[in-house]
């Protein structure tokens, strides 16, 4: 699939705040999408009582260095206690964030170098095949009550990439470049295997749908990912 002309898809917005209006057309491909904005805006520092904001790597250094100030004992993060579990939870979240950032920067670099005609992951709209079973699968990965689902009409340049090349996110640069080349070049049947569909063009929400989401806790996700 290289293009779409008023084709029907689904779109999952990973935020409960309304960003789209049914019947209004939105253009993607020139400006950063919400995924990119969120990715580049995340603060990887942790508030520490009496010290201020500290990078997690400094907190980890203090934890493993007996002569350190042990700032980690004062870590304040909602949902965690100031102990090893809380420290590792913060570190795992930051590691995943930084790994995602590296992956996306390398995927974009490879796209610009070898596949400039493909939609950018940092400026595209993500689409889902117009099949309810596939939509239900994607919605099951989003926290309940923290996303919105739309049936949409799409027109423009489209790329379908295999999701298997996006995991695990925490990989070395050489492996990520190889995965990126495969992601941008290999053909994929989006109805037979997990895939990401990217659109550079116009997307028009036709109707909003109500879908159930995941009830898995953040800590459970971190334990599964790491």
N, C-alpha and C. Protein backbone atom coordinates (compact mmCIF):
# COMPACT_ATOMS: atom_id res chain seq x y z
N UNK A 1 0.84 -1.19 0.00
CA UNK A 1 0.00 0.00 0.00
C UNK A 1 0.88 1.25 0.00
N UNK A 2 0.81 2.05 -1.07
CA UNK A 2 1.59 3.27 -1.17
C UNK A 2 0.75 4.52 -1.06
N UNK A 3 -0.56 4.38 -1.26
CA UNK A 3 -1.43 5.55 -1.21
C UNK A 3 -2.84 5.14 -0.83
N UNK A 4 -3.63 6.13 -0.44
CA UNK A 4 -5.03 5.92 -0.10
C UNK A 4 -5.84 7.06 -0.68
N UNK A 5 -7.05 6.75 -1.14
CA UNK A 5 -7.93 7.75 -1.71
C UNK A 5 -9.32 7.60 -1.07
N UNK A 6 -9.57 8.39 -0.05
CA UNK A 6 -10.82 8.35 0.71
C UNK A 6 -11.11 6.95 1.25
N UNK A 7 -10.05 6.26 1.65
CA UNK A 7 -10.18 4.91 2.19
C UNK A 7 -10.53 4.97 3.68
N UNK A 8 -11.30 3.99 4.14
CA UNK A 8 -11.71 3.94 5.54
C UNK A 8 -10.67 3.20 6.39
N UNK A 9 -10.36 3.78 7.52
CA UNK A 9 -9.47 3.20 8.51
C UNK A 9 -10.03 3.52 9.89
N UNK A 10 -9.31 3.05 10.92
CA UNK A 10 -9.56 3.49 12.29
C UNK A 10 -8.35 4.27 12.76
N UNK A 11 -8.57 5.14 13.74
CA UNK A 11 -7.48 5.90 14.34
C UNK A 11 -7.69 5.94 15.84
N UNK A 12 -6.64 5.61 16.61
CA UNK A 12 -6.69 5.66 18.07
C UNK A 12 -5.86 6.85 18.55
N UNK A 13 -6.51 7.79 19.21
CA UNK A 13 -5.85 8.94 19.78
C UNK A 13 -5.48 8.62 21.22
N UNK A 14 -4.18 8.61 21.55
CA UNK A 14 -3.74 8.21 22.88
C UNK A 14 -3.81 9.37 23.86
N UNK A 15 -5.01 9.92 23.99
CA UNK A 15 -5.28 10.98 24.95
C UNK A 15 -6.79 11.10 25.08
N UNK A 16 -7.25 11.38 26.29
CA UNK A 16 -8.69 11.54 26.51
C UNK A 16 -9.16 12.92 26.10
N UNK A 17 -8.23 13.85 25.91
CA UNK A 17 -8.58 15.21 25.52
C UNK A 17 -8.94 15.23 24.04
N UNK A 18 -10.12 15.72 23.68
CA UNK A 18 -10.52 15.72 22.26
C UNK A 18 -9.57 16.55 21.40
N UNK A 19 -9.04 15.95 20.34
CA UNK A 19 -8.17 16.65 19.41
C UNK A 19 -8.78 16.76 18.02
N UNK A 20 -9.82 15.97 17.78
CA UNK A 20 -10.44 15.96 16.46
C UNK A 20 -11.94 16.16 16.56
N UNK A 21 -12.51 16.76 15.52
CA UNK A 21 -13.96 16.91 15.41
C UNK A 21 -14.45 16.08 14.23
N UNK A 22 -15.52 15.36 14.45
CA UNK A 22 -16.10 14.54 13.39
C UNK A 22 -16.51 15.45 12.23
N UNK A 23 -16.13 15.05 11.02
CA UNK A 23 -16.49 15.81 9.83
C UNK A 23 -15.47 16.84 9.41
N UNK A 24 -14.48 17.15 10.27
CA UNK A 24 -13.46 18.13 9.93
C UNK A 24 -12.21 17.42 9.42
N UNK A 25 -11.57 17.95 8.39
CA UNK A 25 -10.38 17.34 7.80
C UNK A 25 -9.11 17.90 8.44
N UNK A 26 -8.11 17.02 8.64
CA UNK A 26 -6.84 17.40 9.24
C UNK A 26 -5.71 16.92 8.33
N UNK A 27 -4.69 17.76 8.19
CA UNK A 27 -3.56 17.44 7.31
C UNK A 27 -2.34 17.05 8.14
N UNK A 28 -1.69 15.97 7.72
CA UNK A 28 -0.49 15.47 8.40
C UNK A 28 0.65 15.35 7.39
N UNK A 29 1.87 15.56 7.88
CA UNK A 29 3.03 15.39 7.03
C UNK A 29 4.02 16.54 7.06
N UNK A 30 3.57 17.71 7.50
CA UNK A 30 4.45 18.88 7.53
C UNK A 30 4.91 19.23 8.94
N UNK A 31 4.02 19.16 9.90
CA UNK A 31 4.35 19.53 11.27
C UNK A 31 4.48 18.29 12.15
N UNK A 32 5.19 18.45 13.27
CA UNK A 32 5.32 17.34 14.22
C UNK A 32 3.95 16.88 14.68
N UNK A 33 3.78 15.56 14.80
CA UNK A 33 2.53 15.04 15.34
C UNK A 33 2.61 15.02 16.87
N UNK A 34 1.51 14.64 17.51
CA UNK A 34 1.46 14.63 18.97
C UNK A 34 2.45 13.63 19.56
N UNK A 35 2.67 12.52 18.87
CA UNK A 35 3.64 11.52 19.33
C UNK A 35 5.02 12.15 19.45
N UNK A 36 5.45 12.88 18.42
CA UNK A 36 6.77 13.50 18.44
C UNK A 36 6.85 14.59 19.51
N UNK A 37 5.80 15.39 19.63
CA UNK A 37 5.80 16.46 20.62
C UNK A 37 5.94 15.89 22.03
N UNK A 38 5.20 14.83 22.31
CA UNK A 38 5.29 14.20 23.64
C UNK A 38 6.66 13.57 23.85
N UNK A 39 7.19 12.94 22.80
CA UNK A 39 8.48 12.25 22.90
C UNK A 39 9.60 13.22 23.25
N UNK A 40 9.61 14.38 22.61
CA UNK A 40 10.68 15.35 22.82
C UNK A 40 10.46 16.21 24.06
N UNK A 41 9.25 16.17 24.63
CA UNK A 41 8.94 17.05 25.76
C UNK A 41 9.11 16.38 27.12
N UNK A 42 9.31 15.07 27.16
CA UNK A 42 9.37 14.35 28.43
C UNK A 42 10.60 14.76 29.23
N UNK A 43 10.38 15.07 30.51
CA UNK A 43 11.47 15.41 31.42
C UNK A 43 11.94 14.14 32.12
N UNK A 44 13.25 13.84 32.01
CA UNK A 44 13.76 12.59 32.59
C UNK A 44 14.41 12.82 33.95
N UNK A 45 14.21 14.00 34.53
CA UNK A 45 14.72 14.26 35.87
C UNK A 45 13.69 13.83 36.91
N UNK A 46 14.15 13.66 38.14
CA UNK A 46 13.29 13.24 39.24
C UNK A 46 13.40 14.26 40.38
N UNK A 47 12.27 14.73 40.94
CA UNK A 47 12.34 15.68 42.06
C UNK A 47 12.83 15.01 43.33
N UNK A 48 13.82 15.62 43.98
CA UNK A 48 14.40 15.07 45.21
C UNK A 48 14.30 16.12 46.30
N UNK A 49 13.73 15.76 47.43
CA UNK A 49 13.52 16.70 48.54
C UNK A 49 14.84 17.32 48.99
N UNK A 50 14.86 18.63 49.08
CA UNK A 50 16.03 19.33 49.58
C UNK A 50 17.15 19.47 48.58
N UNK A 51 17.00 18.94 47.38
CA UNK A 51 18.06 18.97 46.38
C UNK A 51 17.59 19.64 45.10
N UNK A 52 16.38 19.30 44.65
CA UNK A 52 15.87 19.80 43.38
C UNK A 52 15.74 18.69 42.36
N UNK A 53 15.75 19.05 41.09
CA UNK A 53 15.64 18.06 40.03
C UNK A 53 16.99 17.41 39.79
N UNK A 54 17.01 16.07 39.78
CA UNK A 54 18.24 15.34 39.52
C UNK A 54 18.01 14.32 38.40
N UNK A 55 18.96 14.19 37.46
CA UNK A 55 18.85 13.13 36.45
C UNK A 55 18.91 11.76 37.13
N UNK A 56 18.19 10.81 36.58
CA UNK A 56 18.14 9.49 37.18
C UNK A 56 19.51 8.84 37.22
N UNK A 57 20.37 9.12 36.23
CA UNK A 57 21.69 8.49 36.24
C UNK A 57 22.51 8.94 37.45
N UNK A 58 22.31 10.20 37.92
CA UNK A 58 23.00 10.66 39.12
C UNK A 58 22.46 9.95 40.36
N UNK A 59 21.15 9.75 40.38
CA UNK A 59 20.55 9.05 41.52
C UNK A 59 21.04 7.61 41.57
N UNK A 60 21.13 6.97 40.41
CA UNK A 60 21.65 5.59 40.36
C UNK A 60 23.11 5.54 40.80
N UNK A 61 23.89 6.54 40.40
CA UNK A 61 25.30 6.58 40.81
C UNK A 61 25.40 6.65 42.33
N UNK A 62 24.57 7.49 42.94
CA UNK A 62 24.59 7.59 44.40
C UNK A 62 24.17 6.28 45.05
N UNK A 63 23.24 5.59 44.41
CA UNK A 63 22.74 4.34 44.98
C UNK A 63 23.84 3.29 45.04
N UNK A 64 24.64 3.23 43.97
CA UNK A 64 25.69 2.20 43.91
C UNK A 64 27.00 2.65 44.54
N UNK A 65 27.13 3.94 44.87
CA UNK A 65 28.35 4.46 45.47
C UNK A 65 28.12 4.70 46.96
N UNK A 66 28.72 3.89 47.83
CA UNK A 66 28.49 4.03 49.28
C UNK A 66 28.89 5.41 49.81
N UNK A 67 29.79 6.09 49.11
CA UNK A 67 30.23 7.39 49.59
C UNK A 67 29.33 8.53 49.11
N UNK A 68 28.32 8.18 48.32
CA UNK A 68 27.42 9.19 47.76
C UNK A 68 26.46 9.74 48.80
N UNK A 69 25.63 10.68 48.36
CA UNK A 69 24.70 11.34 49.28
C UNK A 69 23.40 10.57 49.45
N UNK A 70 23.23 9.50 48.67
CA UNK A 70 22.02 8.68 48.76
C UNK A 70 20.75 9.50 48.55
N UNK A 71 20.76 10.34 47.52
CA UNK A 71 19.58 11.14 47.22
C UNK A 71 18.37 10.26 46.92
N UNK A 72 18.64 9.03 46.46
CA UNK A 72 17.54 8.16 46.06
C UNK A 72 16.57 7.90 47.20
N UNK A 73 17.04 8.05 48.46
CA UNK A 73 16.16 7.78 49.60
C UNK A 73 15.07 8.84 49.72
N UNK A 74 15.24 9.96 49.00
CA UNK A 74 14.26 11.04 49.08
C UNK A 74 13.47 11.21 47.78
N UNK A 75 13.58 10.21 46.90
CA UNK A 75 12.87 10.32 45.62
C UNK A 75 11.37 10.42 45.86
N UNK A 76 10.74 11.38 45.19
CA UNK A 76 9.29 11.54 45.27
C UNK A 76 8.71 11.29 43.88
N UNK A 77 7.97 10.26 43.71
CA UNK A 77 7.33 9.97 42.44
C UNK A 77 5.99 9.29 42.73
N UNK A 78 4.92 9.85 42.22
CA UNK A 78 3.59 9.32 42.50
C UNK A 78 3.52 7.83 42.21
N UNK A 79 3.00 7.07 43.17
CA UNK A 79 2.82 5.64 42.98
C UNK A 79 4.00 4.79 43.40
N UNK A 80 5.12 5.42 43.78
CA UNK A 80 6.29 4.66 44.19
C UNK A 80 6.70 5.07 45.61
N UNK A 81 7.36 4.18 46.32
CA UNK A 81 7.97 4.51 47.61
C UNK A 81 9.44 4.81 47.39
N UNK A 82 10.05 5.52 48.34
CA UNK A 82 11.46 5.91 48.20
C UNK A 82 12.36 4.76 48.60
N UNK A 83 12.32 3.68 47.85
CA UNK A 83 13.18 2.54 48.10
C UNK A 83 13.67 1.99 46.77
N UNK A 84 14.27 0.79 46.80
CA UNK A 84 14.82 0.22 45.58
C UNK A 84 13.75 0.03 44.51
N UNK A 85 12.55 -0.35 44.90
CA UNK A 85 11.50 -0.55 43.91
C UNK A 85 11.16 0.77 43.22
N UNK A 86 11.05 1.83 44.00
CA UNK A 86 10.75 3.12 43.41
C UNK A 86 11.87 3.60 42.50
N UNK A 87 13.12 3.41 42.94
CA UNK A 87 14.26 3.82 42.15
C UNK A 87 14.30 3.08 40.82
N UNK A 88 14.13 1.76 40.88
CA UNK A 88 14.18 0.96 39.65
C UNK A 88 13.01 1.29 38.74
N UNK A 89 11.86 1.60 39.33
CA UNK A 89 10.72 1.98 38.50
C UNK A 89 11.00 3.26 37.74
N UNK A 90 11.57 4.26 38.43
CA UNK A 90 11.92 5.51 37.75
C UNK A 90 12.98 5.27 36.68
N UNK A 91 14.00 4.48 37.03
CA UNK A 91 15.08 4.21 36.08
C UNK A 91 14.56 3.48 34.85
N UNK A 92 13.66 2.51 35.05
CA UNK A 92 13.11 1.76 33.93
C UNK A 92 12.29 2.67 33.02
N UNK A 93 11.52 3.57 33.61
CA UNK A 93 10.71 4.49 32.81
C UNK A 93 11.60 5.42 31.98
N UNK A 94 12.67 5.92 32.59
CA UNK A 94 13.59 6.81 31.87
C UNK A 94 14.32 6.05 30.78
N UNK A 95 14.76 4.81 31.08
CA UNK A 95 15.46 4.00 30.09
C UNK A 95 14.58 3.76 28.88
N UNK A 96 13.33 3.43 29.12
CA UNK A 96 12.41 3.19 28.00
C UNK A 96 12.20 4.48 27.20
N UNK A 97 12.04 5.60 27.88
CA UNK A 97 11.86 6.88 27.20
C UNK A 97 13.05 7.20 26.30
N UNK A 98 14.25 7.06 26.84
CA UNK A 98 15.44 7.38 26.07
C UNK A 98 15.65 6.39 24.92
N UNK A 99 15.30 5.12 25.15
CA UNK A 99 15.41 4.12 24.09
C UNK A 99 14.44 4.42 22.94
N UNK A 100 13.22 4.84 23.29
CA UNK A 100 12.24 5.22 22.27
C UNK A 100 12.74 6.43 21.47
N UNK A 101 13.32 7.40 22.17
CA UNK A 101 13.83 8.59 21.50
C UNK A 101 14.93 8.22 20.51
N UNK A 102 15.87 7.38 20.94
CA UNK A 102 16.96 6.95 20.06
C UNK A 102 16.40 6.19 18.85
N UNK A 103 15.45 5.29 19.09
CA UNK A 103 14.86 4.53 18.00
C UNK A 103 14.22 5.45 16.96
N UNK A 104 13.43 6.40 17.43
CA UNK A 104 12.73 7.27 16.49
C UNK A 104 13.68 8.18 15.73
N UNK A 105 14.74 8.66 16.36
CA UNK A 105 15.71 9.49 15.67
C UNK A 105 16.44 8.70 14.59
N UNK A 106 16.79 7.45 14.89
CA UNK A 106 17.49 6.61 13.91
C UNK A 106 16.54 6.21 12.78
N UNK A 107 15.30 5.86 13.10
CA UNK A 107 14.33 5.52 12.06
C UNK A 107 14.11 6.71 11.12
N UNK A 108 14.06 7.91 11.68
CA UNK A 108 13.86 9.10 10.86
C UNK A 108 15.10 9.38 10.02
N UNK A 109 16.27 9.18 10.57
CA UNK A 109 17.51 9.39 9.83
C UNK A 109 17.59 8.46 8.63
N UNK A 110 17.28 7.18 8.84
CA UNK A 110 17.32 6.20 7.76
C UNK A 110 16.27 6.53 6.70
N UNK A 111 15.10 6.96 7.15
CA UNK A 111 14.04 7.34 6.19
C UNK A 111 14.50 8.49 5.30
N UNK A 112 15.07 9.52 5.91
CA UNK A 112 15.52 10.68 5.14
C UNK A 112 16.64 10.30 4.17
N UNK A 113 17.51 9.40 4.58
CA UNK A 113 18.64 9.01 3.75
C UNK A 113 18.23 8.14 2.56
N UNK A 114 17.35 7.16 2.81
CA UNK A 114 17.09 6.14 1.79
C UNK A 114 15.64 6.06 1.33
N UNK A 115 14.69 6.57 2.11
CA UNK A 115 13.27 6.42 1.77
C UNK A 115 12.52 7.75 1.99
N UNK A 116 13.00 8.83 1.37
CA UNK A 116 12.40 10.14 1.63
C UNK A 116 10.94 10.26 1.19
N UNK A 117 10.50 9.35 0.32
CA UNK A 117 9.11 9.41 -0.14
C UNK A 117 8.13 8.83 0.88
N UNK A 118 8.65 8.14 1.89
CA UNK A 118 7.79 7.54 2.90
C UNK A 118 7.33 8.60 3.92
N UNK A 119 6.13 8.42 4.50
CA UNK A 119 5.68 9.35 5.55
C UNK A 119 6.59 9.27 6.78
N UNK A 120 6.89 10.39 7.37
CA UNK A 120 7.71 10.42 8.57
C UNK A 120 6.90 9.96 9.78
N UNK A 121 7.52 9.15 10.64
CA UNK A 121 6.86 8.71 11.86
C UNK A 121 6.64 9.89 12.81
N UNK A 122 7.40 10.94 12.66
CA UNK A 122 7.32 12.09 13.55
C UNK A 122 6.31 13.14 13.07
N UNK A 123 5.77 12.95 11.85
CA UNK A 123 4.82 13.92 11.32
C UNK A 123 3.57 13.27 10.72
N UNK A 124 3.45 11.97 10.83
CA UNK A 124 2.34 11.25 10.20
C UNK A 124 1.13 11.14 11.13
N UNK A 125 0.05 10.60 10.57
CA UNK A 125 -1.09 10.14 11.36
C UNK A 125 -1.06 8.62 11.31
N UNK A 126 -1.26 7.97 12.45
CA UNK A 126 -1.27 6.51 12.49
C UNK A 126 -2.68 5.99 12.23
N UNK A 127 -2.76 4.99 11.37
CA UNK A 127 -4.04 4.40 11.01
C UNK A 127 -4.06 2.92 11.36
N UNK A 128 -5.26 2.38 11.46
CA UNK A 128 -5.48 0.96 11.77
C UNK A 128 -6.41 0.41 10.70
N UNK A 129 -6.15 -0.81 10.19
CA UNK A 129 -7.04 -1.38 9.17
C UNK A 129 -8.50 -1.34 9.60
N UNK A 130 -9.38 -1.22 8.65
CA UNK A 130 -10.81 -1.09 8.93
C UNK A 130 -11.41 -2.46 9.26
N UNK A 131 -10.90 -3.06 10.34
CA UNK A 131 -11.38 -4.35 10.84
C UNK A 131 -11.51 -4.25 12.35
N UNK A 132 -12.68 -4.59 12.88
CA UNK A 132 -12.95 -4.41 14.30
C UNK A 132 -12.02 -5.24 15.19
N UNK A 133 -11.65 -6.44 14.75
CA UNK A 133 -10.78 -7.29 15.56
C UNK A 133 -9.40 -6.66 15.73
N UNK A 134 -8.88 -6.09 14.66
CA UNK A 134 -7.57 -5.43 14.75
C UNK A 134 -7.68 -4.17 15.60
N UNK A 135 -8.77 -3.43 15.45
CA UNK A 135 -8.99 -2.25 16.28
C UNK A 135 -9.03 -2.61 17.75
N UNK A 136 -9.74 -3.68 18.10
CA UNK A 136 -9.85 -4.11 19.49
C UNK A 136 -8.47 -4.46 20.06
N UNK A 137 -7.63 -5.06 19.24
CA UNK A 137 -6.27 -5.40 19.68
C UNK A 137 -5.49 -4.14 20.05
N UNK A 138 -5.55 -3.12 19.19
CA UNK A 138 -4.82 -1.89 19.45
C UNK A 138 -5.37 -1.17 20.68
N UNK A 139 -6.68 -1.14 20.82
CA UNK A 139 -7.29 -0.46 21.96
C UNK A 139 -6.93 -1.15 23.28
N UNK A 140 -6.71 -2.45 23.23
CA UNK A 140 -6.36 -3.20 24.43
C UNK A 140 -4.99 -2.82 24.96
N UNK A 141 -4.18 -2.14 24.16
CA UNK A 141 -2.85 -1.70 24.61
C UNK A 141 -2.88 -0.31 25.21
N UNK A 142 -4.02 0.36 25.15
CA UNK A 142 -4.13 1.72 25.67
C UNK A 142 -4.85 1.72 27.02
N UNK A 143 -4.41 2.54 27.97
CA UNK A 143 -5.07 2.59 29.30
C UNK A 143 -6.53 2.98 29.17
N UNK A 144 -7.39 2.29 29.89
CA UNK A 144 -8.82 2.57 29.85
C UNK A 144 -9.09 4.02 30.25
N UNK A 145 -9.95 4.69 29.48
CA UNK A 145 -10.31 6.07 29.77
C UNK A 145 -9.28 7.10 29.37
N UNK A 146 -8.19 6.68 28.71
CA UNK A 146 -7.14 7.62 28.34
C UNK A 146 -6.89 7.64 26.83
N UNK A 147 -7.91 7.30 26.05
CA UNK A 147 -7.77 7.37 24.60
C UNK A 147 -9.15 7.56 23.97
N UNK A 148 -9.13 7.95 22.70
CA UNK A 148 -10.36 8.12 21.93
C UNK A 148 -10.17 7.40 20.60
N UNK A 149 -11.25 6.84 20.08
CA UNK A 149 -11.19 6.03 18.86
C UNK A 149 -12.12 6.61 17.80
N UNK A 150 -11.61 6.66 16.57
CA UNK A 150 -12.39 7.21 15.47
C UNK A 150 -12.36 6.30 14.25
N UNK A 151 -13.46 6.28 13.53
CA UNK A 151 -13.45 5.76 12.16
C UNK A 151 -13.12 6.96 11.29
N UNK A 152 -12.13 6.82 10.39
CA UNK A 152 -11.66 7.97 9.62
C UNK A 152 -11.59 7.64 8.13
N UNK A 153 -11.60 8.70 7.34
CA UNK A 153 -11.40 8.60 5.90
C UNK A 153 -10.04 9.22 5.60
N UNK A 154 -9.20 8.51 4.85
CA UNK A 154 -7.83 8.97 4.63
C UNK A 154 -7.49 9.07 3.14
N UNK A 155 -6.75 10.11 2.81
CA UNK A 155 -6.26 10.32 1.44
C UNK A 155 -4.83 10.82 1.52
N UNK A 156 -3.91 10.16 0.78
CA UNK A 156 -2.54 10.62 0.77
C UNK A 156 -1.55 9.48 0.65
N UNK A 157 -0.27 9.79 0.94
CA UNK A 157 0.79 8.78 0.90
C UNK A 157 0.71 7.90 2.15
N UNK A 158 0.86 6.60 1.95
CA UNK A 158 0.73 5.64 3.05
C UNK A 158 1.92 4.68 3.05
N UNK A 159 2.39 4.35 4.24
CA UNK A 159 3.40 3.29 4.38
C UNK A 159 2.96 2.33 5.47
N UNK A 160 3.16 1.04 5.21
CA UNK A 160 2.85 0.00 6.19
C UNK A 160 4.17 -0.66 6.60
N UNK A 161 4.49 -0.59 7.89
CA UNK A 161 5.72 -1.17 8.41
C UNK A 161 5.43 -2.22 9.46
N UNK A 162 6.25 -3.27 9.50
CA UNK A 162 6.05 -4.36 10.45
C UNK A 162 6.40 -3.92 11.87
N UNK A 163 5.48 -4.14 12.80
CA UNK A 163 5.70 -3.74 14.19
C UNK A 163 6.85 -4.50 14.85
N UNK A 164 7.18 -5.68 14.32
CA UNK A 164 8.24 -6.49 14.93
C UNK A 164 9.59 -5.76 14.92
N UNK A 165 9.77 -4.81 14.01
CA UNK A 165 11.04 -4.09 13.95
C UNK A 165 11.10 -2.93 14.94
N UNK A 166 10.03 -2.72 15.69
CA UNK A 166 10.01 -1.66 16.69
C UNK A 166 10.32 -2.18 18.09
N UNK A 167 10.41 -3.50 18.25
CA UNK A 167 10.63 -4.10 19.57
C UNK A 167 11.80 -5.07 19.51
N UNK A 168 12.55 -5.17 20.64
CA UNK A 168 12.47 -4.25 21.79
C UNK A 168 13.04 -2.90 21.41
N UNK A 169 12.61 -1.86 22.11
CA UNK A 169 13.07 -0.51 21.78
C UNK A 169 14.52 -0.29 22.21
N UNK A 170 14.94 -0.98 23.26
CA UNK A 170 16.27 -0.75 23.83
C UNK A 170 17.31 -1.61 23.09
N UNK A 171 17.85 -1.07 22.00
CA UNK A 171 18.82 -1.77 21.17
C UNK A 171 19.96 -0.82 20.81
N UNK A 172 21.07 -1.39 20.35
CA UNK A 172 22.19 -0.58 19.90
C UNK A 172 21.89 0.11 18.58
N UNK A 173 22.67 1.14 18.26
CA UNK A 173 22.43 1.94 17.07
C UNK A 173 22.52 1.12 15.79
N UNK A 174 23.49 0.21 15.69
CA UNK A 174 23.66 -0.58 14.47
C UNK A 174 22.45 -1.47 14.21
N UNK A 175 21.95 -2.10 15.27
CA UNK A 175 20.77 -2.96 15.12
C UNK A 175 19.55 -2.13 14.77
N UNK A 176 19.42 -0.98 15.39
CA UNK A 176 18.29 -0.10 15.09
C UNK A 176 18.30 0.36 13.64
N UNK A 177 19.47 0.64 13.10
CA UNK A 177 19.56 1.05 11.69
C UNK A 177 19.12 -0.10 10.78
N UNK A 178 19.52 -1.32 11.11
CA UNK A 178 19.10 -2.47 10.31
C UNK A 178 17.59 -2.65 10.39
N UNK A 179 17.03 -2.53 11.60
CA UNK A 179 15.58 -2.63 11.77
C UNK A 179 14.86 -1.53 10.99
N UNK A 180 15.44 -0.35 11.00
CA UNK A 180 14.82 0.77 10.29
C UNK A 180 14.78 0.50 8.79
N UNK A 181 15.88 0.00 8.23
CA UNK A 181 15.90 -0.31 6.80
C UNK A 181 14.83 -1.34 6.45
N UNK A 182 14.70 -2.34 7.31
CA UNK A 182 13.69 -3.37 7.07
C UNK A 182 12.28 -2.81 7.23
N UNK A 183 12.10 -1.96 8.22
CA UNK A 183 10.79 -1.36 8.47
C UNK A 183 10.32 -0.55 7.27
N UNK A 184 11.24 0.20 6.67
CA UNK A 184 10.87 1.08 5.57
C UNK A 184 10.83 0.37 4.22
N UNK A 185 11.45 -0.81 4.10
CA UNK A 185 11.58 -1.43 2.78
C UNK A 185 10.78 -2.71 2.58
N UNK A 186 10.55 -3.48 3.64
CA UNK A 186 9.93 -4.79 3.46
C UNK A 186 8.41 -4.69 3.34
N UNK A 187 7.81 -5.45 2.40
CA UNK A 187 6.35 -5.46 2.28
C UNK A 187 5.69 -6.14 3.47
N UNK A 188 4.52 -5.67 3.86
CA UNK A 188 3.82 -6.19 5.04
C UNK A 188 2.34 -6.34 4.71
N UNK A 189 1.76 -7.44 5.17
CA UNK A 189 0.30 -7.62 5.10
C UNK A 189 -0.27 -7.21 6.45
N UNK A 190 -0.83 -6.01 6.52
CA UNK A 190 -1.28 -5.46 7.81
C UNK A 190 -2.44 -6.23 8.41
N UNK A 191 -3.07 -7.11 7.64
CA UNK A 191 -4.18 -7.92 8.17
C UNK A 191 -3.72 -9.30 8.63
N UNK A 192 -2.44 -9.61 8.40
CA UNK A 192 -1.92 -10.93 8.77
C UNK A 192 -0.88 -10.85 9.88
N UNK A 193 -0.30 -9.68 10.13
CA UNK A 193 0.69 -9.53 11.18
C UNK A 193 0.61 -8.12 11.74
N UNK A 194 1.05 -7.93 13.00
CA UNK A 194 1.01 -6.59 13.59
C UNK A 194 1.81 -5.61 12.74
N UNK A 195 1.20 -4.48 12.42
CA UNK A 195 1.85 -3.49 11.56
C UNK A 195 1.41 -2.10 11.95
N UNK A 196 2.19 -1.11 11.52
CA UNK A 196 1.85 0.28 11.72
C UNK A 196 1.60 0.92 10.35
N UNK A 197 0.49 1.62 10.23
CA UNK A 197 0.14 2.30 8.99
C UNK A 197 0.30 3.80 9.22
N UNK A 198 1.12 4.43 8.40
CA UNK A 198 1.41 5.86 8.54
C UNK A 198 0.87 6.62 7.34
N UNK A 199 0.25 7.74 7.60
CA UNK A 199 -0.36 8.58 6.55
C UNK A 199 0.27 9.96 6.54
N UNK A 200 0.66 10.39 5.34
CA UNK A 200 1.01 11.79 5.10
C UNK A 200 -0.03 12.30 4.13
N UNK A 201 -0.95 13.09 4.62
CA UNK A 201 -2.05 13.53 3.79
C UNK A 201 -3.20 14.03 4.64
N UNK A 202 -4.41 13.75 4.20
CA UNK A 202 -5.60 14.27 4.87
C UNK A 202 -6.39 13.15 5.57
N UNK A 203 -6.76 13.41 6.81
CA UNK A 203 -7.57 12.46 7.59
C UNK A 203 -8.82 13.17 8.08
N UNK A 204 -9.97 12.54 7.84
CA UNK A 204 -11.25 13.11 8.26
C UNK A 204 -11.99 12.14 9.15
N UNK A 205 -12.18 12.44 10.44
CA UNK A 205 -12.98 11.56 11.31
C UNK A 205 -14.43 11.49 10.81
N UNK A 206 -14.91 10.26 10.65
CA UNK A 206 -16.29 10.03 10.20
C UNK A 206 -17.22 9.87 11.39
N UNK A 207 -16.74 9.16 12.42
CA UNK A 207 -17.53 9.00 13.64
C UNK A 207 -16.59 8.57 14.77
N UNK A 208 -17.00 8.85 16.00
CA UNK A 208 -16.22 8.42 17.17
C UNK A 208 -16.83 7.15 17.72
N UNK A 209 -15.95 6.22 18.14
CA UNK A 209 -16.37 4.93 18.66
C UNK A 209 -16.01 4.82 20.13
N UNK A 210 -16.75 4.01 20.87
CA UNK A 210 -16.45 3.72 22.27
C UNK A 210 -15.84 2.34 22.36
N UNK A 211 -14.60 2.29 22.83
CA UNK A 211 -13.88 1.02 22.91
C UNK A 211 -13.30 0.84 24.31
N UNK A 212 -13.25 -0.41 24.76
CA UNK A 212 -12.65 -0.73 26.06
C UNK A 212 -11.13 -0.68 25.94
N UNK A 213 -10.47 -0.30 27.04
CA UNK A 213 -9.02 -0.24 27.04
C UNK A 213 -8.41 -1.20 28.04
N UNK A 214 -7.09 -1.07 28.23
CA UNK A 214 -6.36 -1.93 29.15
C UNK A 214 -6.51 -1.45 30.58
N UNK A 215 -6.54 -2.38 31.55
CA UNK A 215 -6.56 -2.04 32.97
C UNK A 215 -5.23 -2.38 33.63
N UNK A 216 -4.22 -2.71 32.84
CA UNK A 216 -2.90 -3.07 33.36
C UNK A 216 -2.23 -1.84 33.98
N UNK A 217 -1.61 -2.02 35.15
CA UNK A 217 -0.96 -0.90 35.82
C UNK A 217 0.37 -0.58 35.16
N UNK A 218 0.86 0.64 35.41
CA UNK A 218 2.14 1.06 34.86
C UNK A 218 3.26 0.15 35.34
N UNK A 219 3.26 -0.22 36.63
CA UNK A 219 4.32 -1.06 37.17
C UNK A 219 4.30 -2.44 36.53
N UNK A 220 3.11 -2.98 36.29
CA UNK A 220 3.01 -4.30 35.63
C UNK A 220 3.58 -4.24 34.22
N UNK A 221 3.34 -3.12 33.51
CA UNK A 221 3.88 -2.96 32.16
C UNK A 221 5.40 -2.89 32.20
N UNK A 222 5.95 -2.17 33.18
CA UNK A 222 7.40 -2.06 33.27
C UNK A 222 8.04 -3.41 33.55
N UNK A 223 7.43 -4.21 34.44
CA UNK A 223 7.97 -5.53 34.74
C UNK A 223 7.94 -6.43 33.51
N UNK A 224 6.90 -6.27 32.69
CA UNK A 224 6.80 -7.09 31.47
C UNK A 224 7.80 -6.63 30.42
N UNK A 225 8.04 -5.33 30.34
CA UNK A 225 8.93 -4.79 29.32
C UNK A 225 10.41 -5.04 29.65
N UNK A 226 10.74 -5.04 30.95
CA UNK A 226 12.13 -5.20 31.35
C UNK A 226 12.31 -6.49 32.13
